[in-house]
C-alpha atoms as a PDB file:
ATOM      1  CA  MET A   1       0.081   0.029  -0.001  1.00  0.00           C
ATOM      2  CA  ALA A   2       1.393   3.283  -1.039  1.00  0.00           C
ATOM      3  CA  GLY A   3       1.807   6.083   1.475  1.00  0.00           C
ATOM      4  CA  PRO A   4       0.220   9.527   1.204  1.00  0.00           C
ATOM      5  CA  ASP A   5       1.575  11.862  -1.693  1.00  0.00           C
ATOM      6  CA  ILE A   6       3.576  14.455   0.423  1.00  0.00           C
ATOM      7  CA  ASP A   7       3.981  16.626  -2.754  1.00  0.00           C
ATOM      8  CA  TYR A   8       0.238  16.926  -3.070  1.00  0.00           C
ATOM      9  CA  ILE A   9      -0.115  17.698   0.558  1.00  0.00           C
ATOM     10  CA  VAL A  10       2.410  20.485   0.639  1.00  0.00           C
ATOM     11  CA  LYS A  11       1.081  21.946  -2.599  1.00  0.00           C
ATOM     12  CA  GLU A  12      -2.402  22.047  -1.082  1.00  0.00           C
ATOM     13  CA  THR A  13      -1.337  23.466   2.173  1.00  0.00           C
ATOM     14  CA  GLU A  14       1.021  26.042   1.152  1.00  0.00           C
ATOM     15  CA  GLY A  15       1.007  28.820   3.773  1.00  0.00           C
ATOM     16  CA  ALA A  16      -1.206  27.020   6.342  1.00  0.00           C
ATOM     17  CA  THR A  17      -0.432  27.414   9.957  1.00  0.00           C
ATOM     18  CA  GLN A  18       1.020  24.764  12.206  1.00  0.00           C
ATOM     19  CA  ALA A  19      -2.474  24.361  13.864  1.00  0.00           C
ATOM     20  CA  PHE A  20      -4.124  23.730  10.453  1.00  0.00           C
ATOM     21  CA  LEU A  21      -1.584  21.158   9.636  1.00  0.00           C
ATOM     22  CA  LYS A  22      -2.009  19.429  12.819  1.00  0.00           C
ATOM     23  CA  GLU A  23      -5.694  19.169  12.440  1.00  0.00           C
ATOM     24  CA  LEU A  24      -5.216  17.846   8.869  1.00  0.00           C
ATOM     25  CA  VAL A  25      -2.883  15.196  10.003  1.00  0.00           C
ATOM     26  CA  GLN A  26      -5.171  14.277  13.004  1.00  0.00           C
ATOM     27  CA  ARG A  27      -8.240  14.056  10.766  1.00  0.00           C
ATOM     28  CA  GLY A  28      -6.346  12.108   8.023  1.00  0.00           C
ATOM     29  CA  LEU A  29      -5.342   9.610  10.586  1.00  0.00           C
ATOM     30  CA  GLN A  30      -8.952   9.335  11.590  1.00  0.00           C
ATOM     31  CA  PHE A  31     -10.186   8.699   8.147  1.00  0.00           C
ATOM     32  CA  ALA A  32      -7.476   5.895   7.939  1.00  0.00           C
ATOM     33  CA  LEU A  33      -8.551   4.359  11.195  1.00  0.00           C
ATOM     34  CA  GLU A  34     -12.208   4.434  10.087  1.00  0.00           C
ATOM     35  CA  ALA A  35     -11.285   2.714   6.862  1.00  0.00           C
ATOM     36  CA  GLY A  36      -9.310  -0.063   8.870  1.00  0.00           C
ATOM     37  CA  ARG A  37      -5.906   0.937   7.425  1.00  0.00           C
ATOM     38  CA  THR A  38      -4.095  -0.495  10.479  1.00  0.00           C
ATOM     39  CA  THR A  39      -1.398  -2.952  11.143  1.00  0.00           C
ATOM     40  CA  GLY A  40      -1.084  -3.906  14.782  1.00  0.00           C
ATOM     41  CA  SER A  41      -0.806  -0.464  16.619  1.00  0.00           C
ATOM     42  CA  SER A  42       0.200   1.333  13.435  1.00  0.00           C
ATOM     43  CA  VAL A  43      -2.086   3.334  11.026  1.00  0.00           C
ATOM     44  CA  SER A  44      -1.406   3.502   7.445  1.00  0.00           C
ATOM     45  CA  PRO A  45      -3.012   6.627   5.760  1.00  0.00           C
ATOM     46  CA  ILE A  46      -3.142   7.202   2.056  1.00  0.00           C
ATOM     47  CA  SER A  47      -3.574  10.132  -0.047  1.00  0.00           C
ATOM     48  CA  ASP A  48      -7.260   9.795  -0.085  1.00  0.00           C
ATOM     49  CA  ASP A  49      -7.457  10.167   3.653  1.00  0.00           C
ATOM     50  CA  PHE A  50      -5.783  13.424   3.402  1.00  0.00           C
ATOM     51  CA  ALA A  51      -7.668  14.636   0.456  1.00  0.00           C
ATOM     52  CA  ALA A  52     -10.880  13.688   2.487  1.00  0.00           C
ATOM     53  CA  ALA A  53      -9.733  15.574   5.432  1.00  0.00           C
ATOM     54  CA  LEU A  54      -8.742  18.678   3.210  1.00  0.00           C
ATOM     55  CA  ARG A  55     -12.285  18.602   1.693  1.00  0.00           C
ATOM     56  CA  GLU A  56     -13.921  18.399   5.129  1.00  0.00           C
ATOM     57  CA  ILE A  57     -11.809  21.226   6.752  1.00  0.00           C
ATOM     58  CA  ARG A  58     -12.500  23.324   3.647  1.00  0.00           C
ATOM     59  CA  ALA A  59     -16.085  22.807   3.735  1.00  0.00           C
ATOM     60  CA  PHE A  60     -16.650  26.072   5.586  1.00  0.00           C
ATOM     61  CA  ASP A  61     -13.803  27.995   3.766  1.00  0.00           C
ATOM     62  CA  SER A  62     -13.923  31.619   3.264  1.00  0.00           C
ATOM     63  CA  LYS A  63     -11.611  34.397   2.801  1.00  0.00           C
ATOM     64  CA  ALA A  64     -11.480  35.343   6.375  1.00  0.00           C
ATOM     65  CA  ALA A  65     -10.914  31.531   7.340  1.00  0.00           C
ATOM     66  CA  ARG A  66      -8.144  31.405   4.754  1.00  0.00           C
ATOM     67  CA  VAL A  67      -6.288  34.466   6.286  1.00  0.00           C
ATOM     68  CA  ILE A  68      -6.684  33.095   9.874  1.00  0.00           C
ATOM     69  CA  THR A  69      -5.323  29.547   8.807  1.00  0.00           C
ATOM     70  CA  GLY A  70      -2.406  31.379   7.078  1.00  0.00           C
ATOM     71  CA  PHE A  71      -3.207  30.339   3.390  1.00  0.00           C
ATOM     72  CA  ARG A  72      -1.914  32.626   0.796  1.00  0.00           C
ATOM     73  CA  THR A  73      -4.491  34.146  -1.448  1.00  0.00           C
END
């Protein structure tokens, strides 16, 4: 199973704050857990988990939110 596409994540989160990135990682890992992508005590997220997390976090996206989270406009 291939791991997440780090280049995609970096491109999609350029300028984001550390807090946003932390939330993204936590939510991406939750998606992987819910999908059962685990081996023993390890979680194996894939790109789709982080893409879903980005979509969810950005569901309430607005210009003000993008400024607060540090995204470049």
